Amino acid sequence: MKNEGKTAGTKGESLLPQTVEGGNGGGKCGVFGRIILLLLPIVGASTILAVLYLLLYRLNLTIQETSISAALAMYEPYWEILAPLSIGVFATFVVTVSRNIQIEVYHRRLNNEYKGMRVLNFITTVANIGAYIGFLILAIYKSDDESEDARNLHMYGAVAYFVLSGFYGVAHIYLLCKQSQYPLYSKIVFTLVPIVAIVCSIVFAIEREDAYPYEWLAVALNSLFSGLFTTLFIVDPVDDEVRDFFCCSSNKRTTKSVTI
């Protein structure tokens, strides 16, 4: 018999992370699926951070001496950077979509049909995916390439990364504040990290050569921001819904809300 527990309460009461099938903390996906969902943000963030460290360590440079673009252009063999970076970007794609699903499931529990929230959730997801596509493009096409088209693609990728990741950070603040199951300190952390990253990006865009450390810090904070999603998935796991989405399962679970 399917478990059907409390998923909605009176106004101001936190919603329990519970779906119709599996109950609170259950679900068909099992422990293995839950572990994968919790590890993906950490894998994505730590891989990108490891690439940043590898650039500095192998080139024997500091963040005061060079930009990320210049460091990428100097590094050889390039596959040592591009391979792990691609893994980190792919993991971030999956994490971004999983977070989108989590927000969608939360509002379904509320029987919330407010289309504006769904549209914003979709736009923010596309923005963050676009940001990391831009990050991959700036890594593939070097800033000192002989081809002007390649140099332009590198610049477009960099602009897309910083602009779209900043937008995602700000929009996500609003989306997170609309979810009542997360404590205030969590919302404060998820507000401060993207705001500091945006400030660092703006400082670097204005000062350029005199502000290399701000570029490195902005990218590191954006990666950390994505890695922190593990804490959100711990509180409200949606591994079954994520599995259904990526496996194109026709057995879509629905969530019900019970007013008490």
Protein backbone atom coordinates (compact mmCIF):
# COMPACT_ATOMS: atom_id res chain seq x y z
CA MET A 1 0.00 0.00 0.00
CA LYS A 2 1.37 3.41 -0.91
CA ASN A 3 2.38 5.62 1.97
CA GLU A 4 0.67 8.94 2.02
CA GLY A 5 1.96 11.24 4.72
CA LYS A 6 1.80 14.87 5.59
CA THR A 7 3.27 17.04 2.92
CA ALA A 8 1.67 20.34 3.70
CA GLY A 9 0.74 22.08 6.86
CA THR A 10 -0.74 25.29 8.03
CA LYS A 11 0.71 28.54 6.79
CA GLY A 12 4.29 29.00 7.90
CA GLU A 13 4.80 25.30 8.69
CA SER A 14 7.62 23.53 6.87
CA LEU A 15 6.72 20.96 4.27
CA LEU A 16 8.07 17.48 4.81
CA PRO A 17 10.15 16.05 1.96
CA GLN A 18 7.73 13.27 1.22
CA THR A 19 6.31 11.86 -1.99
CA VAL A 20 3.42 9.52 -2.45
CA GLU A 21 5.57 6.52 -3.27
CA GLY A 22 8.20 5.58 -0.79
CA GLY A 23 7.23 7.96 1.97
CA ASN A 24 9.59 10.23 3.86
CA GLY A 25 13.15 9.34 2.89
CA GLY A 26 12.06 6.25 0.96
CA GLY A 27 11.29 6.00 -2.70
CA LYS A 28 12.16 3.46 -5.34
CA CYS A 29 15.53 4.95 -6.20
CA GLY A 30 17.10 3.50 -3.05
CA VAL A 31 20.24 4.32 -1.13
CA PHE A 32 22.47 4.17 -4.20
CA GLY A 33 20.43 6.78 -6.08
CA ARG A 34 20.31 8.99 -3.00
CA ILE A 35 24.09 8.84 -2.61
CA ILE A 36 24.62 9.76 -6.27
CA LEU A 37 22.35 12.78 -5.93
CA LEU A 38 24.16 13.95 -2.80
CA LEU A 39 27.63 13.45 -4.29
CA LEU A 40 27.04 15.09 -7.68
CA PRO A 41 27.23 18.71 -6.42
CA ILE A 42 30.43 17.89 -4.54
CA VAL A 43 31.94 16.16 -7.57
CA GLY A 44 31.11 19.05 -9.89
CA ALA A 45 32.40 21.75 -7.55
CA SER A 46 35.52 19.93 -6.38
CA THR A 47 36.52 19.01 -9.95
CA ILE A 48 36.37 22.61 -11.14
CA LEU A 49 38.20 23.81 -8.03
CA ALA A 50 40.84 21.13 -8.62
CA VAL A 51 41.33 22.44 -12.17
CA LEU A 52 41.93 25.95 -10.81
CA TYR A 53 44.47 24.60 -8.33
CA LEU A 54 46.17 22.49 -11.01
CA LEU A 55 46.60 25.53 -13.24
CA LEU A 56 48.37 27.46 -10.50
CA TYR A 57 50.41 24.53 -9.19
CA ARG A 58 51.72 23.22 -12.51
CA LEU A 59 52.49 26.69 -13.88
CA ASN A 60 53.99 27.81 -10.57
CA LEU A 61 51.87 30.94 -10.55
CA THR A 62 49.73 32.83 -8.04
CA ILE A 63 46.31 34.38 -8.52
CA GLN A 64 47.95 37.83 -8.38
CA GLU A 65 50.11 37.10 -11.42
CA THR A 66 47.70 35.89 -14.08
CA SER A 67 44.10 35.52 -15.18
CA ILE A 68 42.34 32.20 -15.63
CA SER A 69 42.27 32.75 -19.40
CA ALA A 70 46.04 33.31 -19.54
CA ALA A 71 46.71 30.29 -17.36
CA LEU A 72 44.55 28.10 -19.59
CA ALA A 73 46.40 29.34 -22.65
CA MET A 74 49.80 28.45 -21.12
CA TYR A 75 48.94 24.99 -19.84
CA GLU A 76 50.20 21.88 -21.65
CA PRO A 77 49.19 19.11 -22.24
CA TYR A 78 45.80 20.71 -22.51
CA TRP A 79 43.75 17.52 -22.19
CA GLU A 80 44.80 17.33 -18.51
CA ILE A 81 42.72 20.44 -17.94
CA LEU A 82 39.95 19.97 -20.46
CA ALA A 83 39.02 16.41 -19.41
CA PRO A 84 38.36 17.08 -15.70
CA LEU A 85 36.81 20.45 -16.51
CA SER A 86 34.32 18.73 -18.84
CA ILE A 87 33.43 16.28 -16.05
CA GLY A 88 32.87 19.15 -13.62
CA VAL A 89 30.70 21.04 -16.10
CA PHE A 90 28.63 17.96 -16.91
CA ALA A 91 28.07 17.26 -13.20
CA THR A 92 26.99 20.88 -12.75
CA PHE A 93 24.47 20.48 -15.59
CA VAL A 94 22.90 17.50 -13.82
CA VAL A 95 22.90 19.30 -10.46
CA THR A 96 21.22 22.35 -11.99
CA VAL A 97 18.45 20.26 -13.55
CA SER A 98 18.04 18.30 -10.30
CA ARG A 99 17.60 21.54 -8.38
CA ASN A 100 14.99 22.63 -10.91
CA ILE A 101 13.10 19.37 -10.33
CA GLN A 102 13.35 19.81 -6.56
CA ILE A 103 11.79 23.28 -6.74
CA GLU A 104 9.06 21.99 -9.06
CA VAL A 105 8.23 19.11 -6.72
CA TYR A 106 8.04 21.47 -3.74
CA HIS A 107 5.45 23.67 -5.41
CA ARG A 108 3.46 20.64 -6.56
CA ARG A 109 3.17 19.63 -2.91
CA LEU A 110 1.62 23.01 -2.30
CA ASN A 111 -0.72 22.54 -5.27
CA ASN A 112 0.82 25.79 -6.44
CA GLU A 113 -0.17 26.51 -10.03
CA TYR A 114 1.50 29.92 -10.11
CA LYS A 115 2.98 29.93 -13.60
CA GLY A 116 5.37 32.81 -12.91
CA MET A 117 7.33 30.67 -10.44
CA ARG A 118 7.59 27.79 -12.90
CA VAL A 119 8.76 30.12 -15.66
CA LEU A 120 11.40 31.68 -13.41
CA ASN A 121 12.57 28.24 -12.32
CA PHE A 122 12.95 27.21 -15.95
CA ILE A 123 14.75 30.42 -16.96
CA THR A 124 17.22 30.17 -14.09
CA THR A 125 17.99 26.56 -15.01
CA VAL A 126 18.65 27.47 -18.64
CA ALA A 127 20.79 30.41 -17.47
CA ASN A 128 23.09 28.29 -15.31
CA ILE A 129 23.44 25.63 -18.00
CA GLY A 130 24.28 28.42 -20.45
CA ALA A 131 26.82 29.82 -17.99
CA TYR A 132 28.73 26.56 -17.80
CA ILE A 133 28.52 26.02 -21.55
CA GLY A 134 30.19 29.42 -21.75
CA PHE A 135 32.80 28.27 -19.24
CA LEU A 136 33.55 25.23 -21.38
CA ILE A 137 33.78 27.39 -24.51
CA LEU A 138 36.29 29.76 -22.91
CA ALA A 139 38.37 26.72 -21.95
CA ILE A 140 38.24 25.12 -25.40
CA TYR A 141 39.12 28.30 -27.30
CA LYS A 142 42.25 29.95 -25.93
CA SER A 143 42.60 33.68 -25.42
CA ASP A 144 45.88 33.78 -27.38
CA ASP A 145 44.75 31.63 -30.30
CA GLU A 146 46.01 32.66 -33.73
CA SER A 147 42.45 32.68 -35.04
CA GLU A 148 40.47 35.82 -34.31
CA ASP A 149 37.25 33.78 -34.35
CA ALA A 150 38.63 31.52 -31.60
CA ARG A 151 39.63 34.53 -29.50
CA ASN A 152 36.16 36.01 -29.96
CA LEU A 153 34.53 32.73 -28.93
CA HIS A 154 36.71 32.70 -25.83
CA MET A 155 35.53 36.21 -24.95
CA TYR A 156 31.86 35.37 -25.62
CA GLY A 157 32.17 32.30 -23.42
CA ALA A 158 33.68 34.34 -20.58
CA VAL A 159 30.96 36.99 -20.79
CA ALA A 160 28.23 34.35 -20.88
CA TYR A 161 29.71 32.58 -17.87
CA PHE A 162 29.95 35.61 -15.60
CA VAL A 163 26.65 37.23 -16.65
CA LEU A 164 24.50 34.10 -16.60
CA SER A 165 26.01 32.63 -13.42
CA GLY A 166 25.39 35.97 -11.71
CA PHE A 167 21.79 35.98 -12.87
CA TYR A 168 21.32 32.42 -11.67
CA GLY A 169 22.72 33.26 -8.25
CA VAL A 170 20.35 36.20 -7.77
CA ALA A 171 17.28 34.38 -9.12
CA HIS A 172 18.06 31.34 -6.98
CA ILE A 173 17.98 33.52 -3.86
CA TYR A 174 14.36 34.34 -4.61
CA LEU A 175 13.45 30.73 -5.43
CA LEU A 176 15.08 29.45 -2.24
CA CYS A 177 13.34 32.01 -0.05
CA LYS A 178 10.02 30.70 -1.38
CA GLN A 179 10.79 27.26 0.09
CA SER A 180 9.88 27.05 3.75
CA GLN A 181 11.63 23.79 4.65
CA TYR A 182 15.10 25.32 4.71
CA PRO A 183 16.40 27.14 7.83
CA LEU A 184 17.28 30.82 7.83
CA TYR A 185 21.03 30.27 8.11
CA SER A 186 20.95 28.15 4.95
CA LYS A 187 19.21 30.94 3.06
CA ILE A 188 21.77 33.45 4.37
CA VAL A 189 24.66 31.33 3.08
CA PHE A 190 22.99 30.83 -0.30
CA THR A 191 22.50 34.60 -0.47
CA LEU A 192 25.99 35.69 0.52
CA VAL A 193 27.95 33.32 -1.73
CA PRO A 194 26.47 34.43 -5.09
CA ILE A 195 26.42 38.10 -4.08
CA VAL A 196 30.12 38.04 -3.21
CA ALA A 197 30.81 36.20 -6.48
CA ILE A 198 28.94 38.88 -8.43
CA VAL A 199 30.84 41.66 -6.69
CA CYS A 200 34.14 39.93 -7.52
CA SER A 201 33.08 39.56 -11.16
CA ILE A 202 32.20 43.25 -11.41
CA VAL A 203 35.49 44.32 -9.81
CA PHE A 204 37.43 42.13 -12.24
CA ALA A 205 35.46 43.44 -15.23
CA ILE A 206 36.30 47.02 -14.25
CA GLU A 207 39.88 46.68 -13.06
CA ARG A 208 41.02 43.82 -15.35
CA GLU A 209 44.81 43.32 -14.93
CA ASP A 210 44.80 44.85 -11.46
CA ALA A 211 42.10 42.47 -10.19
CA TYR A 212 43.12 38.94 -11.20
CA PRO A 213 42.43 37.53 -7.71
CA TYR A 214 38.80 38.63 -7.98
CA GLU A 215 38.33 36.57 -11.14
CA TRP A 216 39.71 33.43 -9.47
CA LEU A 217 37.58 34.07 -6.38
CA ALA A 218 34.42 34.59 -8.47
CA VAL A 219 34.86 31.28 -10.30
CA ALA A 220 35.71 29.46 -7.06
CA LEU A 221 32.64 30.88 -5.30
CA ASN A 222 30.37 29.93 -8.20
CA SER A 223 31.67 26.37 -7.98
CA LEU A 224 31.24 26.35 -4.21
CA PHE A 225 27.68 27.63 -4.66
CA SER A 226 26.85 24.64 -6.83
CA GLY A 227 28.56 22.28 -4.39
CA LEU A 228 26.42 23.55 -1.52
CA PHE A 229 23.35 22.13 -3.25
CA THR A 230 24.17 18.88 -1.49
CA THR A 231 22.80 20.44 1.70
CA LEU A 232 19.52 21.21 -0.08
CA PHE A 233 19.21 17.65 -1.37
CA ILE A 234 19.86 16.28 2.13
CA VAL A 235 16.87 18.19 3.50
CA ASP A 236 14.57 17.47 0.57
CA PRO A 237 15.71 14.51 -1.58
CA VAL A 238 13.98 14.11 -4.92
CA ASP A 239 16.10 11.26 -6.27
CA ASP A 240 13.13 9.32 -7.65
CA GLU A 241 11.89 12.31 -9.63
CA VAL A 242 15.41 13.04 -10.87
CA ARG A 243 15.78 9.40 -11.97
CA ASP A 244 12.45 9.54 -13.80
CA PHE A 245 13.53 12.67 -15.64
CA PHE A 246 16.95 11.49 -16.78
CA CYS A 247 15.76 7.95 -17.55
CA CYS A 248 12.70 9.27 -19.43
CA SER A 249 10.49 7.07 -17.25
CA SER A 250 6.78 7.06 -17.98
CA ASN A 251 6.09 6.14 -14.34
CA LYS A 252 5.90 9.71 -13.12
CA ARG A 253 5.23 10.09 -9.45
CA THR A 254 2.84 12.72 -8.26
CA THR A 255 2.88 14.43 -4.93
CA LYS A 256 -0.17 15.14 -2.84
CA SER A 257 -0.69 17.73 -0.19
CA VAL A 258 -2.69 17.06 2.93
CA THR A 259 -3.98 20.06 4.82
CA ILE A 260 -3.87 19.75 8.60
